[in-house]
Amino acid sequence: MTEHNEHVKNALDVVSLLATIGSFLQVFTPIFGLIGAIWTLMRIAEMVTGKPFSELIKRKKDDDAK
């Protein structure tokens, strides 16, 4: 009887974990979409200018300092 209760507890733990992950994914899905859009825009800027994005940012900071 005790072994049966342990299996039920383990199953409920797994179900609880899956429910938690599912609820987080609904919250994080728009955030991941935004990150993907930003990443794509960074890659497009790199392709257009032919420079790494980090250099594009540094150049802007240098321009602002002058």
PDB file of N, CA and C in Angstrom:
ATOM      1  N   MET A   1       0.830  -1.196   0.000  1.00  0.00           N
ATOM      2  CA  MET A   1       0.000   0.000   0.000  1.00  0.00           C
ATOM      3  C   MET A   1       0.871   1.254   0.000  1.00  0.00           C
ATOM      4  N   THR A   2       1.952   1.254   0.742  1.00  0.00           N
ATOM      5  CA  THR A   2       2.831   2.408   0.798  1.00  0.00           C
ATOM      6  C   THR A   2       3.514   2.629  -0.544  1.00  0.00           C
ATOM      7  N   GLU A   3       3.873   1.555  -1.207  1.00  0.00           N
ATOM      8  CA  GLU A   3       4.515   1.661  -2.514  1.00  0.00           C
ATOM      9  C   GLU A   3       3.566   2.293  -3.528  1.00  0.00           C
ATOM     10  N   HIS A   4       2.284   1.967  -3.452  1.00  0.00           N
ATOM     11  CA  HIS A   4       1.286   2.547  -4.345  1.00  0.00           C
ATOM     12  C   HIS A   4       1.185   4.055  -4.115  1.00  0.00           C
ATOM     13  N   ASN A   5       1.213   4.486  -2.865  1.00  0.00           N
ATOM     14  CA  ASN A   5       1.135   5.920  -2.559  1.00  0.00           C
ATOM     15  C   ASN A   5       2.348   6.672  -3.107  1.00  0.00           C
ATOM     16  N   GLU A   6       3.511   6.042  -3.054  1.00  0.00           N
ATOM     17  CA  GLU A   6       4.710   6.675  -3.584  1.00  0.00           C
ATOM     18  C   GLU A   6       4.613   6.871  -5.099  1.00  0.00           C
ATOM     19  N   HIS A   7       4.048   5.892  -5.788  1.00  0.00           N
ATOM     20  CA  HIS A   7       3.874   6.021  -7.234  1.00  0.00           C
ATOM     21  C   HIS A   7       2.899   7.147  -7.569  1.00  0.00           C
ATOM     22  N   VAL A   8       1.855   7.269  -6.780  1.00  0.00           N
ATOM     23  CA  VAL A   8       0.877   8.341  -7.000  1.00  0.00           C
ATOM     24  C   VAL A   8       1.531   9.691  -6.742  1.00  0.00           C
ATOM     25  N   LYS A   9       2.316   9.794  -5.672  1.00  0.00           N
ATOM     26  CA  LYS A   9       3.003  11.055  -5.371  1.00  0.00           C
ATOM     27  C   LYS A   9       3.973  11.422  -6.493  1.00  0.00           C
ATOM     28  N   ASN A  10       4.717  10.452  -6.981  1.00  0.00           N
ATOM     29  CA  ASN A  10       5.658  10.717  -8.071  1.00  0.00           C
ATOM     30  C   ASN A  10       4.933  11.154  -9.340  1.00  0.00           C
ATOM     31  N   ALA A  11       3.814  10.507  -9.629  1.00  0.00           N
ATOM     32  CA  ALA A  11       3.040  10.879 -10.811  1.00  0.00           C
ATOM     33  C   ALA A  11       2.495  12.297 -10.671  1.00  0.00           C
ATOM     34  N   LEU A  12       2.010  12.651  -9.491  1.00  0.00           N
ATOM     35  CA  LEU A  12       1.502  14.001  -9.275  1.00  0.00           C
ATOM     36  C   LEU A  12       2.617  15.038  -9.343  1.00  0.00           C
ATOM     37  N   ASP A  13       3.810  14.676  -8.887  1.00  0.00           N
ATOM     38  CA  ASP A  13       4.951  15.583  -9.004  1.00  0.00           C
ATOM     39  C   ASP A  13       5.269  15.862 -10.469  1.00  0.00           C
ATOM     40  N   VAL A  14       5.243  14.834 -11.298  1.00  0.00           N
ATOM     41  CA  VAL A  14       5.514  15.003 -12.723  1.00  0.00           C
ATOM     42  C   VAL A  14       4.435  15.857 -13.373  1.00  0.00           C
ATOM     43  N   VAL A  15       3.177  15.594 -13.043  1.00  0.00           N
ATOM     44  CA  VAL A  15       2.070  16.380 -13.598  1.00  0.00           C
ATOM     45  C   VAL A  15       2.192  17.838 -13.169  1.00  0.00           C
ATOM     46  N   SER A  16       2.548  18.066 -11.926  1.00  0.00           N
ATOM     47  CA  SER A  16       2.717  19.427 -11.424  1.00  0.00           C
ATOM     48  C   SER A  16       3.851  20.137 -12.151  1.00  0.00           C
ATOM     49  N   LEU A  17       4.946  19.434 -12.359  1.00  0.00           N
ATOM     50  CA  LEU A  17       6.073  20.021 -13.077  1.00  0.00           C
ATOM     51  C   LEU A  17       5.687  20.371 -14.509  1.00  0.00           C
ATOM     52  N   LEU A  18       4.994  19.475 -15.191  1.00  0.00           N
ATOM     53  CA  LEU A  18       4.565  19.744 -16.559  1.00  0.00           C
ATOM     54  C   LEU A  18       3.593  20.919 -16.631  1.00  0.00           C
ATOM     55  N   ALA A  19       2.708  21.023 -15.654  1.00  0.00           N
ATOM     56  CA  ALA A  19       1.767  22.142 -15.622  1.00  0.00           C
ATOM     57  C   ALA A  19       2.504  23.461 -15.403  1.00  0.00           C
ATOM     58  N   THR A  20       3.516  23.442 -14.553  1.00  0.00           N
ATOM     59  CA  THR A  20       4.299  24.647 -14.293  1.00  0.00           C
ATOM     60  C   THR A  20       5.057  25.071 -15.540  1.00  0.00           C
ATOM     61  N   ILE A  21       5.694  24.126 -16.199  1.00  0.00           N
ATOM     62  CA  ILE A  21       6.434  24.439 -17.425  1.00  0.00           C
ATOM     63  C   ILE A  21       5.484  24.973 -18.487  1.00  0.00           C
ATOM     64  N   GLY A  22       4.326  24.363 -18.611  1.00  0.00           N
ATOM     65  CA  GLY A  22       3.352  24.829 -19.595  1.00  0.00           C
ATOM     66  C   GLY A  22       2.896  26.247 -19.336  1.00  0.00           C
ATOM     67  N   SER A  23       2.663  26.580 -18.081  1.00  0.00           N
ATOM     68  CA  SER A  23       2.235  27.944 -17.774  1.00  0.00           C
ATOM     69  C   SER A  23       3.345  28.943 -18.039  1.00  0.00           C
ATOM     70  N   PHE A  24       4.593  28.576 -17.772  1.00  0.00           N
ATOM     71  CA  PHE A  24       5.705  29.470 -18.070  1.00  0.00           C
ATOM     72  C   PHE A  24       5.889  29.653 -19.570  1.00  0.00           C
ATOM     73  N   LEU A  25       5.669  28.613 -20.342  1.00  0.00           N
ATOM     74  CA  LEU A  25       5.843  28.726 -21.784  1.00  0.00           C
ATOM     75  C   LEU A  25       4.838  29.686 -22.396  1.00  0.00           C
ATOM     76  N   GLN A  26       3.649  29.728 -21.847  1.00  0.00           N
ATOM     77  CA  GLN A  26       2.667  30.684 -22.355  1.00  0.00           C
ATOM     78  C   GLN A  26       3.097  32.116 -22.053  1.00  0.00           C
ATOM     79  N   VAL A  27       3.770  32.300 -20.951  1.00  0.00           N
ATOM     80  CA  VAL A  27       4.237  33.633 -20.600  1.00  0.00           C
ATOM     81  C   VAL A  27       5.479  33.991 -21.402  1.00  0.00           C
ATOM     82  N   PHE A  28       6.363  33.038 -21.592  1.00  0.00           N
ATOM     83  CA  PHE A  28       7.629  33.319 -22.239  1.00  0.00           C
ATOM     84  C   PHE A  28       7.558  33.296 -23.764  1.00  0.00           C
ATOM     85  N   THR A  29       6.529  32.753 -24.348  1.00  0.00           N
ATOM     86  CA  THR A  29       6.439  32.678 -25.801  1.00  0.00           C
ATOM     87  C   THR A  29       6.521  34.055 -26.458  1.00  0.00           C
ATOM     88  N   PRO A  30       5.784  35.066 -25.996  1.00  0.00           N
ATOM     89  CA  PRO A  30       5.938  36.394 -26.614  1.00  0.00           C
ATOM     90  C   PRO A  30       7.340  36.972 -26.417  1.00  0.00           C
ATOM     91  N   ILE A  31       7.951  36.685 -25.275  1.00  0.00           N
ATOM     92  CA  ILE A  31       9.297  37.187 -25.018  1.00  0.00           C
ATOM     93  C   ILE A  31      10.278  36.551 -25.991  1.00  0.00           C
ATOM     94  N   PHE A  32      10.143  35.232 -26.211  1.00  0.00           N
ATOM     95  CA  PHE A  32      11.019  34.552 -27.167  1.00  0.00           C
ATOM     96  C   PHE A  32      10.798  35.091 -28.579  1.00  0.00           C
ATOM     97  N   GLY A  33       9.570  35.428 -28.919  1.00  0.00           N
ATOM     98  CA  GLY A  33       9.285  36.018 -30.225  1.00  0.00           C
ATOM     99  C   GLY A  33       9.964  37.371 -30.381  1.00  0.00           C
ATOM    100  N   LEU A  34       9.934  38.173 -29.322  1.00  0.00           N
ATOM    101  CA  LEU A  34      10.592  39.480 -29.354  1.00  0.00           C
ATOM    102  C   LEU A  34      12.099  39.322 -29.484  1.00  0.00           C
ATOM    103  N   ILE A  35      12.673  38.380 -28.740  1.00  0.00           N
ATOM    104  CA  ILE A  35      14.118  38.130 -28.836  1.00  0.00           C
ATOM    105  C   ILE A  35      14.478  37.693 -30.249  1.00  0.00           C
ATOM    106  N   GLY A  36      13.661  36.833 -30.838  1.00  0.00           N
ATOM    107  CA  GLY A  36      13.912  36.391 -32.212  1.00  0.00           C
ATOM    108  C   GLY A  36      13.836  37.532 -33.204  1.00  0.00           C
ATOM    109  N   ALA A  37      12.884  38.434 -33.024  1.00  0.00           N
ATOM    110  CA  ALA A  37      12.757  39.582 -33.923  1.00  0.00           C
ATOM    111  C   ALA A  37      13.957  40.512 -33.789  1.00  0.00           C
ATOM    112  N   ILE A  38      14.400  40.748 -32.572  1.00  0.00           N
ATOM    113  CA  ILE A  38      15.573  41.603 -32.352  1.00  0.00           C
ATOM    114  C   ILE A  38      16.807  40.966 -32.972  1.00  0.00           C
ATOM    115  N   TRP A  39      16.958  39.663 -32.770  1.00  0.00           N
ATOM    116  CA  TRP A  39      18.111  38.950 -33.337  1.00  0.00           C
ATOM    117  C   TRP A  39      18.106  39.053 -34.872  1.00  0.00           C
ATOM    118  N   THR A  40      16.945  38.900 -35.471  1.00  0.00           N
ATOM    119  CA  THR A  40      16.839  38.989 -36.925  1.00  0.00           C
ATOM    120  C   THR A  40      17.206  40.383 -37.414  1.00  0.00           C
ATOM    121  N   LEU A  41      16.745  41.408 -36.731  1.00  0.00           N
ATOM    122  CA  LEU A  41      17.090  42.779 -37.114  1.00  0.00           C
ATOM    123  C   LEU A  41      18.591  43.037 -36.975  1.00  0.00           C
ATOM    124  N   MET A  42      19.195  42.472 -35.936  1.00  0.00           N
ATOM    125  CA  MET A  42      20.648  42.616 -35.770  1.00  0.00           C
ATOM    126  C   MET A  42      21.387  41.949 -36.918  1.00  0.00           C
ATOM    127  N   ARG A  43      20.937  40.756 -37.306  1.00  0.00           N
ATOM    128  CA  ARG A  43      21.589  40.034 -38.411  1.00  0.00           C
ATOM    129  C   ARG A  43      21.412  40.781 -39.738  1.00  0.00           C
ATOM    130  N   ILE A  44      20.238  41.374 -39.960  1.00  0.00           N
ATOM    131  CA  ILE A  44      20.012  42.150 -41.181  1.00  0.00           C
ATOM    132  C   ILE A  44      20.941  43.359 -41.209  1.00  0.00           C
ATOM    133  N   ALA A  45      21.087  44.039 -40.072  1.00  0.00           N
ATOM    134  CA  ALA A  45      21.986  45.188 -39.997  1.00  0.00           C
ATOM    135  C   ALA A  45      23.419  44.765 -40.290  1.00  0.00           C
ATOM    136  N   GLU A  46      23.821  43.601 -39.814  1.00  0.00           N
ATOM    137  CA  GLU A  46      25.165  43.095 -40.089  1.00  0.00           C
ATOM    138  C   GLU A  46      25.348  42.807 -41.576  1.00  0.00           C
ATOM    139  N   MET A  47      24.339  42.216 -42.196  1.00  0.00           N
ATOM    140  CA  MET A  47      24.447  41.888 -43.623  1.00  0.00           C
ATOM    141  C   MET A  47      24.478  43.148 -44.481  1.00  0.00           C
ATOM    142  N   VAL A  48      23.691  44.150 -44.134  1.00  0.00           N
ATOM    143  CA  VAL A  48      23.630  45.373 -44.926  1.00  0.00           C
ATOM    144  C   VAL A  48      24.944  46.139 -44.827  1.00  0.00           C
ATOM    145  N   THR A  49      25.484  46.257 -43.618  1.00  0.00           N
ATOM    146  CA  THR A  49      26.698  47.060 -43.425  1.00  0.00           C
ATOM    147  C   THR A  49      27.973  46.255 -43.634  1.00  0.00           C
ATOM    148  N   GLY A  50      27.901  44.945 -43.496  1.00  0.00           N
ATOM    149  CA  GLY A  50      29.089  44.115 -43.627  1.00  0.00           C
ATOM    150  C   GLY A  50      29.978  44.142 -42.403  1.00  0.00           C
ATOM    151  N   LYS A  51      29.458  44.656 -41.292  1.00  0.00           N
ATOM    152  CA  LYS A  51      30.231  44.744 -40.048  1.00  0.00           C
ATOM    153  C   LYS A  51      29.487  44.006 -38.943  1.00  0.00           C
ATOM    154  N   PRO A  52      30.221  43.504 -37.965  1.00  0.00           N
ATOM    155  CA  PRO A  52      29.551  42.900 -36.806  1.00  0.00           C
ATOM    156  C   PRO A  52      28.714  43.938 -36.066  1.00  0.00           C
ATOM    157  N   PHE A  53      27.650  43.495 -35.461  1.00  0.00           N
ATOM    158  CA  PHE A  53      26.737  44.413 -34.783  1.00  0.00           C
ATOM    159  C   PHE A  53      27.433  45.140 -33.644  1.00  0.00           C
ATOM    160  N   SER A  54      28.384  44.473 -32.991  1.00  0.00           N
ATOM    161  CA  SER A  54      29.093  45.115 -31.892  1.00  0.00           C
ATOM    162  C   SER A  54      29.856  46.343 -32.374  1.00  0.00           C
ATOM    163  N   GLU A  55      30.393  46.286 -33.599  1.00  0.00           N
ATOM    164  CA  GLU A  55      31.079  47.453 -34.146  1.00  0.00           C
ATOM    165  C   GLU A  55      30.086  48.569 -34.480  1.00  0.00           C
ATOM    166  N   LEU A  56      28.900  48.215 -34.905  1.00  0.00           N
ATOM    167  CA  LEU A  56      27.892  49.225 -35.191  1.00  0.00           C
ATOM    168  C   LEU A  56      27.499  49.978 -33.923  1.00  0.00           C
ATOM    169  N   ILE A  57      27.411  49.258 -32.829  1.00  0.00           N
ATOM    170  CA  ILE A  57      27.057  49.895 -31.560  1.00  0.00           C
ATOM    171  C   ILE A  57      28.204  50.768 -31.073  1.00  0.00           C
ATOM    172  N   LYS A  58      29.437  50.283 -31.190  1.00  0.00           N
ATOM    173  CA  LYS A  58      30.592  51.073 -30.754  1.00  0.00           C
ATOM    174  C   LYS A  58      30.706  52.359 -31.556  1.00  0.00           C
ATOM    175  N   ARG A  59      30.446  52.269 -32.840  1.00  0.00           N
ATOM    176  CA  ARG A  59      30.543  53.458 -33.683  1.00  0.00           C
ATOM    177  C   ARG A  59      29.542  54.518 -33.242  1.00  0.00           C
ATOM    178  N   LYS A  60      28.331  54.069 -32.910  1.00  0.00           N
ATOM    179  CA  LYS A  60      27.315  55.022 -32.458  1.00  0.00           C
ATOM    180  C   LYS A  60      27.738  55.677 -31.150  1.00  0.00           C
ATOM    181  N   LYS A  61      28.323  54.912 -30.238  1.00  0.00           N
ATOM    182  CA  LYS A  61      28.775  55.488 -28.973  1.00  0.00           C
ATOM    183  C   LYS A  61      29.900  56.487 -29.222  1.00  0.00           C
ATOM    184  N   ASP A  62      30.802  56.180 -30.151  1.00  0.00           N
ATOM    185  CA  ASP A  62      31.878  57.112 -30.470  1.00  0.00           C
ATOM    186  C   ASP A  62      31.328  58.398 -31.066  1.00  0.00           C
ATOM    187  N   ASP A  63      30.316  58.301 -31.912  1.00  0.00           N
ATOM    188  CA  ASP A  63      29.699  59.488 -32.506  1.00  0.00           C
ATOM    189  C   ASP A  63      29.029  60.359 -31.450  1.00  0.00           C
ATOM    190  N   ASP A  64      28.403  59.714 -30.461  1.00  0.00           N
ATOM    191  CA  ASP A  64      27.730  60.459 -29.404  1.00  0.00           C
ATOM    192  C   ASP A  64      28.731  61.171 -28.497  1.00  0.00           C
ATOM    193  N   ALA A  65      29.924  60.610 -28.342  1.00  0.00           N
ATOM    194  CA  ALA A  65      30.920  61.187 -27.440  1.00  0.00           C
ATOM    195  C   ALA A  65      31.538  62.452 -28.022  1.00  0.00           C
ATOM    196  N   LYS A  66      31.514  62.597 -29.337  1.00  0.00           N
ATOM    197  CA  LYS A  66      32.159  63.771 -29.963  1.00  0.00           C
ATOM    198  C   LYS A  66      31.342  65.005 -29.843  1.00  0.00           C
TER     199      LYS A  66
END
